[in-house]
């Protein structure tokens, strides 16, 4: 598979994998900082009931974003693998639909 072949404007498969890794590490650090900053604010069970769901929501958004990027990478990898075997990089209509859905999900998650 050609990791340096551009899959869309300015993005190679290699750089997509690096983005997935970097996003995961950055989110991990952000979540740790968020928990550290919010922990002193929890003085009683009422405070926890308010703050803990906020942390949970933030973590879920991070996980969904990473999942969408990983699915995109899997589709590209499959297409590139098939391209090297068959001499083309064409996606099936179903794969195009999946890729568009994943891109839209990433956009929705980023806007939240």
PDB file of N, CA and C in Angstrom:
ATOM      1  N   UNK A   1       0.838  -1.170   0.000  1.00  0.00           N
ATOM      2  CA  UNK A   1       0.000   0.000   0.000  1.00  0.00           C
ATOM      3  C   UNK A   1       0.889   1.241   0.000  1.00  0.00           C
ATOM      4  N   UNK A   2       0.455   2.258  -0.724  1.00  0.00           N
ATOM      5  CA  UNK A   2       1.216   3.495  -0.803  1.00  0.00           C
ATOM      6  C   UNK A   2       0.737   4.451   0.287  1.00  0.00           C
ATOM      7  N   UNK A   3       1.517   4.572   1.367  1.00  0.00           N
ATOM      8  CA  UNK A   3       1.131   5.432   2.480  1.00  0.00           C
ATOM      9  C   UNK A   3       1.241   6.908   2.135  1.00  0.00           C
ATOM     10  N   UNK A   4       2.070   7.255   1.140  1.00  0.00           N
ATOM     11  CA  UNK A   4       2.286   8.655   0.813  1.00  0.00           C
ATOM     12  C   UNK A   4       1.418   9.142  -0.334  1.00  0.00           C
ATOM     13  N   UNK A   5       0.556   8.298  -0.864  1.00  0.00           N
ATOM     14  CA  UNK A   5      -0.355   8.707  -1.929  1.00  0.00           C
ATOM     15  C   UNK A   5      -1.453   9.574  -1.321  1.00  0.00           C
ATOM     16  N   UNK A   6      -1.707  10.710  -1.949  1.00  0.00           N
ATOM     17  CA  UNK A   6      -2.717  11.638  -1.445  1.00  0.00           C
ATOM     18  C   UNK A   6      -4.108  11.031  -1.616  1.00  0.00           C
ATOM     19  N   UNK A   7      -4.880  10.970  -0.497  1.00  0.00           N
ATOM     20  CA  UNK A   7      -6.222  10.395  -0.559  1.00  0.00           C
ATOM     21  C   UNK A   7      -7.283  11.467  -0.723  1.00  0.00           C
ATOM     22  N   UNK A   8      -7.009  12.663  -0.246  1.00  0.00           N
ATOM     23  CA  UNK A   8      -7.782  13.856  -0.565  1.00  0.00           C
ATOM     24  C   UNK A   8      -6.913  15.058  -0.267  1.00  0.00           C
ATOM     25  N   UNK A   9      -7.341  16.208  -0.653  1.00  0.00           N
ATOM     26  CA  UNK A   9      -6.534  17.429  -0.625  1.00  0.00           C
ATOM     27  C   UNK A   9      -5.605  17.546   0.581  1.00  0.00           C
ATOM     28  N   UNK A  10      -4.331  17.355   0.337  1.00  0.00           N
ATOM     29  CA  UNK A  10      -3.316  17.542   1.364  1.00  0.00           C
ATOM     30  C   UNK A  10      -3.242  16.459   2.420  1.00  0.00           C
ATOM     31  N   UNK A  11      -3.926  15.346   2.233  1.00  0.00           N
ATOM     32  CA  UNK A  11      -3.973  14.298   3.260  1.00  0.00           C
ATOM     33  C   UNK A  11      -3.584  12.964   2.628  1.00  0.00           C
ATOM     34  N   UNK A  12      -2.538  12.351   3.220  1.00  0.00           N
ATOM     35  CA  UNK A  12      -2.129  11.014   2.798  1.00  0.00           C
ATOM     36  C   UNK A  12      -2.611  10.013   3.840  1.00  0.00           C
ATOM     37  N   UNK A  13      -2.546   8.743   3.511  1.00  0.00           N
ATOM     38  CA  UNK A  13      -2.948   7.706   4.466  1.00  0.00           C
ATOM     39  C   UNK A  13      -2.060   7.779   5.699  1.00  0.00           C
ATOM     40  N   UNK A  14      -0.780   7.997   5.470  1.00  0.00           N
ATOM     41  CA  UNK A  14       0.174   8.135   6.566  1.00  0.00           C
ATOM     42  C   UNK A  14      -0.213   9.286   7.504  1.00  0.00           C
ATOM     43  N   UNK A  15      -0.548  10.435   6.916  1.00  0.00           N
ATOM     44  CA  UNK A  15      -0.898  11.593   7.746  1.00  0.00           C
ATOM     45  C   UNK A  15      -2.250  11.396   8.433  1.00  0.00           C
ATOM     46  N   UNK A  16      -3.149  10.631   7.806  1.00  0.00           N
ATOM     47  CA  UNK A  16      -4.437  10.320   8.445  1.00  0.00           C
ATOM     48  C   UNK A  16      -4.213   9.467   9.692  1.00  0.00           C
ATOM     49  N   UNK A  17      -3.346   8.470   9.589  1.00  0.00           N
ATOM     50  CA  UNK A  17      -3.020   7.645  10.754  1.00  0.00           C
ATOM     51  C   UNK A  17      -2.353   8.476  11.850  1.00  0.00           C
ATOM     52  N   UNK A  18      -1.476   9.391  11.455  1.00  0.00           N
ATOM     53  CA  UNK A  18      -0.822  10.261  12.439  1.00  0.00           C
ATOM     54  C   UNK A  18      -1.861  11.153  13.125  1.00  0.00           C
ATOM     55  N   UNK A  19      -2.830  11.667  12.364  1.00  0.00           N
ATOM     56  CA  UNK A  19      -3.896  12.489  12.953  1.00  0.00           C
ATOM     57  C   UNK A  19      -4.705  11.692  13.967  1.00  0.00           C
ATOM     58  N   UNK A  20      -5.017  10.441  13.643  1.00  0.00           N
ATOM     59  CA  UNK A  20      -5.768   9.582  14.564  1.00  0.00           C
ATOM     60  C   UNK A  20      -4.993   9.417  15.864  1.00  0.00           C
ATOM     61  N   UNK A  21      -3.710   9.125  15.743  1.00  0.00           N
ATOM     62  CA  UNK A  21      -2.870   8.944  16.927  1.00  0.00           C
ATOM     63  C   UNK A  21      -2.760  10.249  17.726  1.00  0.00           C
ATOM     64  N   UNK A  22      -2.464  11.345  17.030  1.00  0.00           N
ATOM     65  CA  UNK A  22      -2.320  12.640  17.704  1.00  0.00           C
ATOM     66  C   UNK A  22      -3.612  13.062  18.394  1.00  0.00           C
ATOM     67  N   UNK A  23      -4.749  12.869  17.721  1.00  0.00           N
ATOM     68  CA  UNK A  23      -6.045  13.216  18.323  1.00  0.00           C
ATOM     69  C   UNK A  23      -6.286  12.415  19.591  1.00  0.00           C
ATOM     70  N   UNK A  24      -5.975  11.148  19.533  1.00  0.00           N
ATOM     71  CA  UNK A  24      -6.183  10.285  20.688  1.00  0.00           C
ATOM     72  C   UNK A  24      -5.335  10.743  21.870  1.00  0.00           C
ATOM     73  N   UNK A  25      -4.073  11.031  21.620  1.00  0.00           N
ATOM     74  CA  UNK A  25      -3.177  11.486  22.686  1.00  0.00           C
ATOM     75  C   UNK A  25      -3.610  12.847  23.233  1.00  0.00           C
ATOM     76  N   UNK A  26      -3.974  13.762  22.342  1.00  0.00           N
ATOM     77  CA  UNK A  26      -4.398  15.095  22.766  1.00  0.00           C
ATOM     78  C   UNK A  26      -5.674  15.019  23.607  1.00  0.00           C
ATOM     79  N   UNK A  27      -6.627  14.190  23.181  1.00  0.00           N
ATOM     80  CA  UNK A  27      -7.879  14.034  23.933  1.00  0.00           C
ATOM     81  C   UNK A  27      -7.603  13.430  25.312  1.00  0.00           C
ATOM     82  N   UNK A  28      -6.707  12.468  25.370  1.00  0.00           N
ATOM     83  CA  UNK A  28      -6.349  11.857  26.655  1.00  0.00           C
ATOM     84  C   UNK A  28      -5.810  12.915  27.612  1.00  0.00           C
ATOM     85  N   UNK A  29      -4.929  13.752  27.110  1.00  0.00           N
ATOM     86  CA  UNK A  29      -4.357  14.821  27.935  1.00  0.00           C
ATOM     87  C   UNK A  29      -5.436  15.828  28.349  1.00  0.00           C
ATOM     88  N   UNK A  30      -6.299  16.206  27.404  1.00  0.00           N
ATOM     89  CA  UNK A  30      -7.360  17.161  27.707  1.00  0.00           C
ATOM     90  C   UNK A  30      -8.319  16.618  28.757  1.00  0.00           C
ATOM     91  N   UNK A  31      -8.656  15.358  28.654  1.00  0.00           N
ATOM     92  CA  UNK A  31      -9.572  14.749  29.618  1.00  0.00           C
ATOM     93  C   UNK A  31      -8.926  14.705  30.997  1.00  0.00           C
ATOM     94  N   UNK A  32      -7.657  14.361  31.059  1.00  0.00           N
ATOM     95  CA  UNK A  32      -6.946  14.349  32.351  1.00  0.00           C
ATOM     96  C   UNK A  32      -6.921  15.742  32.973  1.00  0.00           C
ATOM     97  N   UNK A  33      -6.665  16.758  32.164  1.00  0.00           N
ATOM     98  CA  UNK A  33      -6.644  18.139  32.666  1.00  0.00           C
ATOM     99  C   UNK A  33      -8.038  18.542  33.141  1.00  0.00           C
ATOM    100  N   UNK A  34      -9.053  18.214  32.347  1.00  0.00           N
ATOM    101  CA  UNK A  34     -10.430  18.545  32.712  1.00  0.00           C
ATOM    102  C   UNK A  34     -10.812  17.910  34.046  1.00  0.00           C
ATOM    103  N   UNK A  35     -10.508  16.643  34.213  1.00  0.00           N
ATOM    104  CA  UNK A  35     -10.831  15.949  35.465  1.00  0.00           C
ATOM    105  C   UNK A  35     -10.068  16.575  36.632  1.00  0.00           C
ATOM    106  N   UNK A  36      -8.803  16.885  36.422  1.00  0.00           N
ATOM    107  CA  UNK A  36      -7.988  17.505  37.475  1.00  0.00           C
ATOM    108  C   UNK A  36      -8.566  18.863  37.888  1.00  0.00           C
ATOM    109  N   UNK A  37      -9.034  19.643  36.907  1.00  0.00           N
ATOM    110  CA  UNK A  37      -9.583  20.964  37.212  1.00  0.00           C
ATOM    111  C   UNK A  37     -10.960  20.878  37.866  1.00  0.00           C
ATOM    112  N   UNK A  38     -11.743  19.869  37.492  1.00  0.00           N
ATOM    113  CA  UNK A  38     -13.104  19.761  38.025  1.00  0.00           C
ATOM    114  C   UNK A  38     -13.164  19.048  39.379  1.00  0.00           C
ATOM    115  N   UNK A  39     -12.181  18.212  39.654  1.00  0.00           N
ATOM    116  CA  UNK A  39     -12.193  17.440  40.898  1.00  0.00           C
ATOM    117  C   UNK A  39     -12.350  18.314  42.148  1.00  0.00           C
ATOM    118  N   UNK A  40     -11.625  19.436  42.264  1.00  0.00           N
ATOM    119  CA  UNK A  40     -11.776  20.274  43.465  1.00  0.00           C
ATOM    120  C   UNK A  40     -13.169  20.912  43.591  1.00  0.00           C
ATOM    121  N   UNK A  41     -13.902  20.986  42.490  1.00  0.00           N
ATOM    122  CA  UNK A  41     -15.231  21.591  42.518  1.00  0.00           C
ATOM    123  C   UNK A  41     -16.292  20.654  43.095  1.00  0.00           C
ATOM    124  N   UNK A  42     -15.960  19.377  43.199  1.00  0.00           N
ATOM    125  CA  UNK A  42     -16.925  18.402  43.711  1.00  0.00           C
ATOM    126  C   UNK A  42     -16.784  18.337  45.226  1.00  0.00           C
ATOM    127  N   UNK A  43     -17.738  18.943  45.879  1.00  0.00           N
ATOM    128  CA  UNK A  43     -17.729  18.993  47.345  1.00  0.00           C
ATOM    129  C   UNK A  43     -18.749  18.035  47.963  1.00  0.00           C
ATOM    130  N   UNK A  44     -19.776  17.708  47.175  1.00  0.00           N
ATOM    131  CA  UNK A  44     -20.807  16.803  47.682  1.00  0.00           C
ATOM    132  C   UNK A  44     -21.412  16.034  46.516  1.00  0.00           C
ATOM    133  N   UNK A  45     -22.354  15.154  46.834  1.00  0.00           N
ATOM    134  CA  UNK A  45     -22.970  14.302  45.807  1.00  0.00           C
ATOM    135  C   UNK A  45     -23.715  15.125  44.757  1.00  0.00           C
ATOM    136  N   UNK A  46     -24.281  16.244  45.153  1.00  0.00           N
ATOM    137  CA  UNK A  46     -24.991  17.111  44.209  1.00  0.00           C
ATOM    138  C   UNK A  46     -24.062  17.682  43.155  1.00  0.00           C
ATOM    139  N   UNK A  47     -22.881  18.083  43.596  1.00  0.00           N
ATOM    140  CA  UNK A  47     -21.878  18.594  42.650  1.00  0.00           C
ATOM    141  C   UNK A  47     -21.469  17.497  41.668  1.00  0.00           C
ATOM    142  N   UNK A  48     -21.278  16.295  42.180  1.00  0.00           N
ATOM    143  CA  UNK A  48     -20.871  15.165  41.332  1.00  0.00           C
ATOM    144  C   UNK A  48     -21.933  14.857  40.287  1.00  0.00           C
ATOM    145  N   UNK A  49     -23.202  14.944  40.695  1.00  0.00           N
ATOM    146  CA  UNK A  49     -24.305  14.657  39.768  1.00  0.00           C
ATOM    147  C   UNK A  49     -24.287  15.623  38.593  1.00  0.00           C
ATOM    148  N   UNK A  50     -23.830  16.831  38.811  1.00  0.00           N
ATOM    149  CA  UNK A  50     -23.768  17.834  37.743  1.00  0.00           C
ATOM    150  C   UNK A  50     -22.500  17.695  36.910  1.00  0.00           C
ATOM    151  N   UNK A  51     -21.371  17.496  37.552  1.00  0.00           N
ATOM    152  CA  UNK A  51     -20.073  17.546  36.860  1.00  0.00           C
ATOM    153  C   UNK A  51     -19.717  16.244  36.145  1.00  0.00           C
ATOM    154  N   UNK A  52     -19.992  15.109  36.753  1.00  0.00           N
ATOM    155  CA  UNK A  52     -19.594  13.829  36.149  1.00  0.00           C
ATOM    156  C   UNK A  52     -20.235  13.609  34.768  1.00  0.00           C
ATOM    157  N   UNK A  53     -21.520  13.921  34.550  1.00  0.00           N
ATOM    158  CA  UNK A  53     -22.082  13.762  33.202  1.00  0.00           C
ATOM    159  C   UNK A  53     -21.390  14.643  32.150  1.00  0.00           C
ATOM    160  N   UNK A  54     -20.902  15.795  32.563  1.00  0.00           N
ATOM    161  CA  UNK A  54     -20.169  16.651  31.622  1.00  0.00           C
ATOM    162  C   UNK A  54     -18.884  15.965  31.155  1.00  0.00           C
ATOM    163  N   UNK A  55     -18.184  15.362  32.089  1.00  0.00           N
ATOM    164  CA  UNK A  55     -16.951  14.632  31.756  1.00  0.00           C
ATOM    165  C   UNK A  55     -17.284  13.447  30.846  1.00  0.00           C
ATOM    166  N   UNK A  56     -18.345  12.730  31.175  1.00  0.00           N
ATOM    167  CA  UNK A  56     -18.769  11.564  30.388  1.00  0.00           C
ATOM    168  C   UNK A  56     -19.091  11.977  28.950  1.00  0.00           C
ATOM    169  N   UNK A  57     -19.837  13.073  28.788  1.00  0.00           N
ATOM    170  CA  UNK A  57     -20.190  13.547  27.447  1.00  0.00           C
ATOM    171  C   UNK A  57     -18.945  13.913  26.648  1.00  0.00           C
ATOM    172  N   UNK A  58     -18.024  14.586  27.284  1.00  0.00           N
ATOM    173  CA  UNK A  58     -16.791  14.980  26.611  1.00  0.00           C
ATOM    174  C   UNK A  58     -16.012  13.749  26.157  1.00  0.00           C
ATOM    175  N   UNK A  59     -15.944  12.740  27.003  1.00  0.00           N
ATOM    176  CA  UNK A  59     -15.225  11.508  26.662  1.00  0.00           C
ATOM    177  C   UNK A  59     -15.919  10.781  25.509  1.00  0.00           C
ATOM    178  N   UNK A  60     -17.246  10.739  25.505  1.00  0.00           N
ATOM    179  CA  UNK A  60     -17.982  10.074  24.432  1.00  0.00           C
ATOM    180  C   UNK A  60     -17.762  10.759  23.094  1.00  0.00           C
ATOM    181  N   UNK A  61     -17.748  12.077  23.091  1.00  0.00           N
ATOM    182  CA  UNK A  61     -17.497  12.818  21.851  1.00  0.00           C
ATOM    183  C   UNK A  61     -16.105  12.490  21.325  1.00  0.00           C
ATOM    184  N   UNK A  62     -15.130  12.445  22.207  1.00  0.00           N
ATOM    185  CA  UNK A  62     -13.758  12.125  21.795  1.00  0.00           C
ATOM    186  C   UNK A  62     -13.675  10.728  21.186  1.00  0.00           C
ATOM    187  N   UNK A  63     -14.341   9.773  21.804  1.00  0.00           N
ATOM    188  CA  UNK A  63     -14.328   8.392  21.312  1.00  0.00           C
ATOM    189  C   UNK A  63     -15.017   8.304  19.949  1.00  0.00           C
ATOM    190  N   UNK A  64     -16.166   8.959  19.785  1.00  0.00           N
ATOM    191  CA  UNK A  64     -16.888   8.928  18.499  1.00  0.00           C
ATOM    192  C   UNK A  64     -16.056   9.559  17.388  1.00  0.00           C
ATOM    193  N   UNK A  65     -15.379  10.646  17.702  1.00  0.00           N
ATOM    194  CA  UNK A  65     -14.533  11.301  16.713  1.00  0.00           C
ATOM    195  C   UNK A  65     -13.416  10.360  16.270  1.00  0.00           C
ATOM    196  N   UNK A  66     -12.757   9.715  17.227  1.00  0.00           N
ATOM    197  CA  UNK A  66     -11.690   8.764  16.900  1.00  0.00           C
ATOM    198  C   UNK A  66     -12.230   7.585  16.092  1.00  0.00           C
ATOM    199  N   UNK A  67     -13.400   7.073  16.461  1.00  0.00           N
ATOM    200  CA  UNK A  67     -13.994   5.952  15.728  1.00  0.00           C
ATOM    201  C   UNK A  67     -14.270   6.332  14.279  1.00  0.00           C
ATOM    202  N   UNK A  68     -14.767   7.538  14.053  1.00  0.00           N
ATOM    203  CA  UNK A  68     -15.048   7.983  12.696  1.00  0.00           C
ATOM    204  C   UNK A  68     -13.770   8.054  11.875  1.00  0.00           C
ATOM    205  N   UNK A  69     -12.696   8.582  12.446  1.00  0.00           N
ATOM    206  CA  UNK A  69     -11.426   8.656  11.728  1.00  0.00           C
ATOM    207  C   UNK A  69     -10.867   7.266  11.435  1.00  0.00           C
ATOM    208  N   UNK A  70     -11.008   6.360  12.385  1.00  0.00           N
ATOM    209  CA  UNK A  70     -10.515   4.995  12.194  1.00  0.00           C
ATOM    210  C   UNK A  70     -11.292   4.294  11.082  1.00  0.00           C
ATOM    211  N   UNK A  71     -12.597   4.503  11.033  1.00  0.00           N
ATOM    212  CA  UNK A  71     -13.404   3.910   9.954  1.00  0.00           C
ATOM    213  C   UNK A  71     -12.996   4.475   8.605  1.00  0.00           C
ATOM    214  N   UNK A  72     -12.727   5.780   8.562  1.00  0.00           N
ATOM    215  CA  UNK A  72     -12.258   6.382   7.311  1.00  0.00           C
ATOM    216  C   UNK A  72     -10.940   5.746   6.878  1.00  0.00           C
ATOM    217  N   UNK A  73     -10.037   5.560   7.829  1.00  0.00           N
ATOM    218  CA  UNK A  73      -8.743   4.958   7.509  1.00  0.00           C
ATOM    219  C   UNK A  73      -8.914   3.529   7.000  1.00  0.00           C
ATOM    220  N   UNK A  74      -9.837   2.783   7.593  1.00  0.00           N
ATOM    221  CA  UNK A  74     -10.078   1.404   7.164  1.00  0.00           C
ATOM    222  C   UNK A  74     -10.601   1.360   5.729  1.00  0.00           C
ATOM    223  N   UNK A  75     -11.491   2.278   5.387  1.00  0.00           N
ATOM    224  CA  UNK A  75     -12.032   2.321   4.026  1.00  0.00           C
ATOM    225  C   UNK A  75     -10.927   2.661   3.037  1.00  0.00           C
ATOM    226  N   UNK A  76     -10.104   3.648   3.374  1.00  0.00           N
ATOM    227  CA  UNK A  76      -9.008   4.031   2.485  1.00  0.00           C
ATOM    228  C   UNK A  76      -8.019   2.880   2.335  1.00  0.00           C
ATOM    229  N   UNK A  77      -7.694   2.221   3.443  1.00  0.00           N
ATOM    230  CA  UNK A  77      -6.753   1.109   3.394  1.00  0.00           C
ATOM    231  C   UNK A  77      -7.297  -0.015   2.513  1.00  0.00           C
ATOM    232  N   UNK A  78      -8.564  -0.313   2.646  1.00  0.00           N
ATOM    233  CA  UNK A  78      -9.191  -1.359   1.837  1.00  0.00           C
ATOM    234  C   UNK A  78      -9.144  -0.984   0.359  1.00  0.00           C
ATOM    235  N   UNK A  79      -9.459   0.271   0.069  1.00  0.00           N
ATOM    236  CA  UNK A  79      -9.454   0.723  -1.320  1.00  0.00           C
ATOM    237  C   UNK A  79      -8.047   0.682  -1.898  1.00  0.00           C
ATOM    238  N   UNK A  80      -7.061   1.091  -1.107  1.00  0.00           N
ATOM    239  CA  UNK A  80      -5.686   1.071  -1.595  1.00  0.00           C
ATOM    240  C   UNK A  80      -5.185  -0.360  -1.775  1.00  0.00           C
ATOM    241  N   UNK A  81      -5.581  -1.247  -0.887  1.00  0.00           N
ATOM    242  CA  UNK A  81      -5.190  -2.653  -1.015  1.00  0.00           C
ATOM    243  C   UNK A  81      -5.774  -3.270  -2.265  1.00  0.00           C
ATOM    244  N   UNK A  82      -7.035  -2.967  -2.519  1.00  0.00           N
ATOM    245  CA  UNK A  82      -7.684  -3.474  -3.716  1.00  0.00           C
ATOM    246  C   UNK A  82      -7.054  -2.836  -4.951  1.00  0.00           C
ATOM    247  N   UNK A  83      -6.665  -1.580  -4.831  1.00  0.00           N
ATOM    248  CA  UNK A  83      -6.056  -0.886  -5.964  1.00  0.00           C
ATOM    249  C   UNK A  83      -4.753  -1.528  -6.384  1.00  0.00           C
ATOM    250  N   UNK A  84      -3.959  -1.966  -5.409  1.00  0.00           N
ATOM    251  CA  UNK A  84      -2.684  -2.577  -5.765  1.00  0.00           C
ATOM    252  C   UNK A  84      -2.894  -3.953  -6.391  1.00  0.00           C
ATOM    253  N   UNK A  85      -3.994  -4.632  -6.010  1.00  0.00           N
ATOM    254  CA  UNK A  85      -4.280  -5.941  -6.589  1.00  0.00           C
ATOM    255  C   UNK A  85      -4.917  -5.830  -7.965  1.00  0.00           C
ATOM    256  N   UNK A  86      -5.806  -4.848  -8.124  1.00  0.00           N
ATOM    257  CA  UNK A  86      -6.588  -4.767  -9.343  1.00  0.00           C
ATOM    258  C   UNK A  86      -6.178  -3.619 -10.252  1.00  0.00           C
ATOM    259  N   UNK A  87      -5.229  -2.810  -9.800  1.00  0.00           N
ATOM    260  CA  UNK A  87      -4.766  -1.723 -10.643  1.00  0.00           C
ATOM    261  C   UNK A  87      -5.629  -0.483 -10.596  1.00  0.00           C
ATOM    262  N   UNK A  88      -6.574  -0.388  -9.636  1.00  0.00           N
ATOM    263  CA  UNK A  88      -7.360   0.838  -9.508  1.00  0.00           C
ATOM    264  C   UNK A  88      -7.663   1.109  -8.044  1.00  0.00           C
ATOM    265  N   UNK A  89      -8.066   2.327  -7.765  1.00  0.00           N
ATOM    266  CA  UNK A  89      -8.369   2.729  -6.391  1.00  0.00           C
ATOM    267  C   UNK A  89      -9.837   3.119  -6.250  1.00  0.00           C
ATOM    268  N   UNK A  90     -10.685   2.591  -7.103  1.00  0.00           N
ATOM    269  CA  UNK A  90     -12.093   2.982  -7.063  1.00  0.00           C
ATOM    270  C   UNK A  90     -12.800   2.364  -5.868  1.00  0.00           C
ATOM    271  N   UNK A  91     -13.654   3.173  -5.243  1.00  0.00           N
ATOM    272  CA  UNK A  91     -14.477   2.692  -4.137  1.00  0.00           C
ATOM    273  C   UNK A  91     -15.819   2.228  -4.684  1.00  0.00           C
ATOM    274  N   UNK A  92     -16.404   1.245  -4.015  1.00  0.00           N
ATOM    275  CA  UNK A  92     -17.752   0.840  -4.384  1.00  0.00           C
ATOM    276  C   UNK A  92     -18.712   1.931  -3.919  1.00  0.00           C
ATOM    277  N   UNK A  93     -19.927   1.891  -4.426  1.00  0.00           N
ATOM    278  CA  UNK A  93     -20.925   2.880  -4.015  1.00  0.00           C
ATOM    279  C   UNK A  93     -21.180   2.805  -2.511  1.00  0.00           C
ATOM    280  N   UNK A  94     -21.200   1.603  -1.959  1.00  0.00           N
ATOM    281  CA  UNK A  94     -21.413   1.430  -0.518  1.00  0.00           C
ATOM    282  C   UNK A  94     -20.259   2.048   0.278  1.00  0.00           C
ATOM    283  N   UNK A  95     -19.028   1.851  -0.195  1.00  0.00           N
ATOM    284  CA  UNK A  95     -17.871   2.437   0.487  1.00  0.00           C
ATOM    285  C   UNK A  95     -17.889   3.962   0.400  1.00  0.00           C
ATOM    286  N   UNK A  96     -18.299   4.499  -0.749  1.00  0.00           N
ATOM    287  CA  UNK A  96     -18.417   5.949  -0.882  1.00  0.00           C
ATOM    288  C   UNK A  96     -19.444   6.486   0.103  1.00  0.00           C
ATOM    289  N   UNK A  97     -20.574   5.787   0.208  1.00  0.00           N
ATOM    290  CA  UNK A  97     -21.633   6.197   1.122  1.00  0.00           C
ATOM    291  C   UNK A  97     -21.123   6.170   2.572  1.00  0.00           C
ATOM    292  N   UNK A  98     -20.410   5.098   2.950  1.00  0.00           N
ATOM    293  CA  UNK A  98     -19.852   4.988   4.299  1.00  0.00           C
ATOM    294  C   UNK A  98     -18.858   6.113   4.572  1.00  0.00           C
ATOM    295  N   UNK A  99     -18.010   6.401   3.600  1.00  0.00           N
ATOM    296  CA  UNK A  99     -17.012   7.449   3.774  1.00  0.00           C
ATOM    297  C   UNK A  99     -17.677   8.809   3.952  1.00  0.00           C
ATOM    298  N   UNK A 100     -18.681   9.102   3.153  1.00  0.00           N
ATOM    299  CA  UNK A 100     -19.409  10.372   3.277  1.00  0.00           C
ATOM    300  C   UNK A 100     -20.091  10.465   4.628  1.00  0.00           C
ATOM    301  N   UNK A 101     -20.714   9.368   5.081  1.00  0.00           N
ATOM    302  CA  UNK A 101     -21.372   9.359   6.395  1.00  0.00           C
ATOM    303  C   UNK A 101     -20.364   9.623   7.503  1.00  0.00           C
ATOM    304  N   UNK A 102     -19.182   9.025   7.414  1.00  0.00           N
ATOM    305  CA  UNK A 102     -18.165   9.222   8.445  1.00  0.00           C
ATOM    306  C   UNK A 102     -17.657  10.661   8.455  1.00  0.00           C
ATOM    307  N   UNK A 103     -17.465  11.235   7.274  1.00  0.00           N
ATOM    308  CA  UNK A 103     -17.017  12.624   7.198  1.00  0.00           C
ATOM    309  C   UNK A 103     -18.075  13.546   7.804  1.00  0.00           C
ATOM    310  N   UNK A 104     -19.346  13.280   7.516  1.00  0.00           N
ATOM    311  CA  UNK A 104     -20.428  14.088   8.080  1.00  0.00           C
ATOM    312  C   UNK A 104     -20.486  13.945   9.594  1.00  0.00           C
ATOM    313  N   UNK A 105     -20.273  12.720  10.116  1.00  0.00           N
ATOM    314  CA  UNK A 105     -20.269  12.511  11.569  1.00  0.00           C
ATOM    315  C   UNK A 105     -19.142  13.287  12.228  1.00  0.00           C
ATOM    316  N   UNK A 106     -17.965  13.258  11.596  1.00  0.00           N
ATOM    317  CA  UNK A 106     -16.833  14.003  12.146  1.00  0.00           C
ATOM    318  C   UNK A 106     -17.170  15.494  12.178  1.00  0.00           C
ATOM    319  N   UNK A 107     -17.822  15.988  11.129  1.00  0.00           N
ATOM    320  CA  UNK A 107     -18.214  17.395  11.098  1.00  0.00           C
ATOM    321  C   UNK A 107     -19.227  17.725  12.176  1.00  0.00           C
ATOM    322  N   UNK A 108     -20.205  16.828  12.400  1.00  0.00           N
ATOM    323  CA  UNK A 108     -21.214  17.060  13.435  1.00  0.00           C
ATOM    324  C   UNK A 108     -20.575  17.048  14.808  1.00  0.00           C
ATOM    325  N   UNK A 109     -19.695  16.106  15.055  1.00  0.00           N
ATOM    326  CA  UNK A 109     -19.042  15.988  16.364  1.00  0.00           C
ATOM    327  C   UNK A 109     -18.176  17.215  16.623  1.00  0.00           C
ATOM    328  N   UNK A 110     -17.477  17.684  15.588  1.00  0.00           N
ATOM    329  CA  UNK A 110     -16.613  18.850  15.759  1.00  0.00           C
ATOM    330  C   UNK A 110     -17.414  20.105  16.068  1.00  0.00           C
ATOM    331  N   UNK A 111     -18.662  20.145  15.573  1.00  0.00           N
ATOM    332  CA  UNK A 111     -19.491  21.322  15.803  1.00  0.00           C
ATOM    333  C   UNK A 111     -20.186  21.313  17.151  1.00  0.00           C
ATOM    334  N   UNK A 112     -20.160  20.200  17.874  1.00  0.00           N
ATOM    335  CA  UNK A 112     -20.842  20.112  19.170  1.00  0.00           C
ATOM    336  C   UNK A 112     -20.127  20.885  20.233  1.00  0.00           C
TER     337      UNK A 112
END
